[in-house]
């Protein structure tokens, strides 16, 4: 709805519309917060790989093959 449409509504409908709009924005904010928390909890589960050791193992395994 445009601003003019809302403005032309009777006051009771305007209040309902604004309450409903505020509720929708709050639900959207909660969804974003929940998604952000879930993604941050997933990232804490990941583990850093010691790339130096991985490269050394890879190099030594290649040397054994040749």
C-alpha atoms as a PDB file:
ATOM      1  CA  UNK A   1       0.000   0.000   0.000  1.00  0.00           C
ATOM      2  CA  UNK A   2       1.173   3.465  -0.721  1.00  0.00           C
ATOM      3  CA  UNK A   3       1.203   6.282   1.786  1.00  0.00           C
ATOM      4  CA  UNK A   4      -1.845   7.856   0.123  1.00  0.00           C
ATOM      5  CA  UNK A   5      -3.749   4.577   0.357  1.00  0.00           C
ATOM      6  CA  UNK A   6      -3.014   4.238   4.058  1.00  0.00           C
ATOM      7  CA  UNK A   7      -3.848   7.868   4.617  1.00  0.00           C
ATOM      8  CA  UNK A   8      -7.270   7.408   3.047  1.00  0.00           C
ATOM      9  CA  UNK A   9      -8.179   4.495   5.345  1.00  0.00           C
ATOM     10  CA  UNK A  10     -10.375   5.037   8.382  1.00  0.00           C
ATOM     11  CA  UNK A  11      -8.349   5.505  11.567  1.00  0.00           C
ATOM     12  CA  UNK A  12      -9.134   2.037  12.973  1.00  0.00           C
ATOM     13  CA  UNK A  13      -7.921   0.353   9.800  1.00  0.00           C
ATOM     14  CA  UNK A  14      -4.863   2.602   9.737  1.00  0.00           C
ATOM     15  CA  UNK A  15      -3.957   1.531  13.269  1.00  0.00           C
ATOM     16  CA  UNK A  16      -4.472  -2.117  12.370  1.00  0.00           C
ATOM     17  CA  UNK A  17      -2.313  -1.727   9.274  1.00  0.00           C
ATOM     18  CA  UNK A  18       0.497  -0.042  11.193  1.00  0.00           C
ATOM     19  CA  UNK A  19       0.362  -2.666  13.969  1.00  0.00           C
ATOM     20  CA  UNK A  20       0.461  -5.444  11.377  1.00  0.00           C
ATOM     21  CA  UNK A  21       3.347  -3.774   9.559  1.00  0.00           C
ATOM     22  CA  UNK A  22       5.305  -3.387  12.808  1.00  0.00           C
ATOM     23  CA  UNK A  23       4.669  -7.048  13.629  1.00  0.00           C
ATOM     24  CA  UNK A  24       5.967  -8.080  10.203  1.00  0.00           C
ATOM     25  CA  UNK A  25       9.143  -6.018  10.642  1.00  0.00           C
ATOM     26  CA  UNK A  26       9.722  -7.549  14.082  1.00  0.00           C
ATOM     27  CA  UNK A  27       9.262 -11.070  12.686  1.00  0.00           C
ATOM     28  CA  UNK A  28      11.727 -10.319   9.912  1.00  0.00           C
ATOM     29  CA  UNK A  29      14.275  -8.952  12.394  1.00  0.00           C
ATOM     30  CA  UNK A  30      13.907 -12.070  14.556  1.00  0.00           C
ATOM     31  CA  UNK A  31      14.420 -14.286  11.518  1.00  0.00           C
ATOM     32  CA  UNK A  32      17.579 -12.408  10.581  1.00  0.00           C
ATOM     33  CA  UNK A  33      18.875 -12.610  14.136  1.00  0.00           C
ATOM     34  CA  UNK A  34      18.187 -16.347  14.293  1.00  0.00           C
ATOM     35  CA  UNK A  35      19.906 -16.925  10.938  1.00  0.00           C
ATOM     36  CA  UNK A  36      22.902 -14.870  12.041  1.00  0.00           C
ATOM     37  CA  UNK A  37      23.178 -16.847  15.287  1.00  0.00           C
ATOM     38  CA  UNK A  38      22.917 -20.164  13.447  1.00  0.00           C
ATOM     39  CA  UNK A  39      25.584 -19.175  10.940  1.00  0.00           C
ATOM     40  CA  UNK A  40      27.926 -17.978  13.673  1.00  0.00           C
ATOM     41  CA  UNK A  41      27.439 -21.226  15.600  1.00  0.00           C
ATOM     42  CA  UNK A  42      28.260 -23.204  12.452  1.00  0.00           C
ATOM     43  CA  UNK A  43      31.429 -21.219  11.875  1.00  0.00           C
ATOM     44  CA  UNK A  44      32.614 -21.965  15.416  1.00  0.00           C
ATOM     45  CA  UNK A  45      32.357 -25.679  14.629  1.00  0.00           C
ATOM     46  CA  UNK A  46      34.841 -25.431  11.773  1.00  0.00           C
ATOM     47  CA  UNK A  47      38.418 -26.236  12.506  1.00  0.00           C
ATOM     48  CA  UNK A  48      41.601 -24.654  11.209  1.00  0.00           C
ATOM     49  CA  UNK A  49      43.799 -26.979   9.225  1.00  0.00           C
ATOM     50  CA  UNK A  50      47.551 -26.827   9.783  1.00  0.00           C
ATOM     51  CA  UNK A  51      48.448 -26.143   6.147  1.00  0.00           C
ATOM     52  CA  UNK A  52      52.183 -26.490   6.776  1.00  0.00           C
ATOM     53  CA  UNK A  53      51.734 -30.081   7.933  1.00  0.00           C
ATOM     54  CA  UNK A  54      49.330 -30.837   5.100  1.00  0.00           C
ATOM     55  CA  UNK A  55      51.804 -29.565   2.511  1.00  0.00           C
ATOM     56  CA  UNK A  56      54.677 -31.505   4.106  1.00  0.00           C
ATOM     57  CA  UNK A  57      52.628 -34.722   4.065  1.00  0.00           C
ATOM     58  CA  UNK A  58      51.628 -34.088   0.476  1.00  0.00           C
ATOM     59  CA  UNK A  59      55.235 -33.443  -0.562  1.00  0.00           C
ATOM     60  CA  UNK A  60      56.541 -36.514   1.252  1.00  0.00           C
ATOM     61  CA  UNK A  61      53.835 -38.740  -0.276  1.00  0.00           C
ATOM     62  CA  UNK A  62      54.747 -37.464  -3.753  1.00  0.00           C
ATOM     63  CA  UNK A  63      58.422 -38.181  -3.133  1.00  0.00           C
ATOM     64  CA  UNK A  64      57.573 -41.763  -2.141  1.00  0.00           C
ATOM     65  CA  UNK A  65      55.640 -42.334  -5.382  1.00  0.00           C
ATOM     66  CA  UNK A  66      58.458 -41.135  -7.639  1.00  0.00           C
END
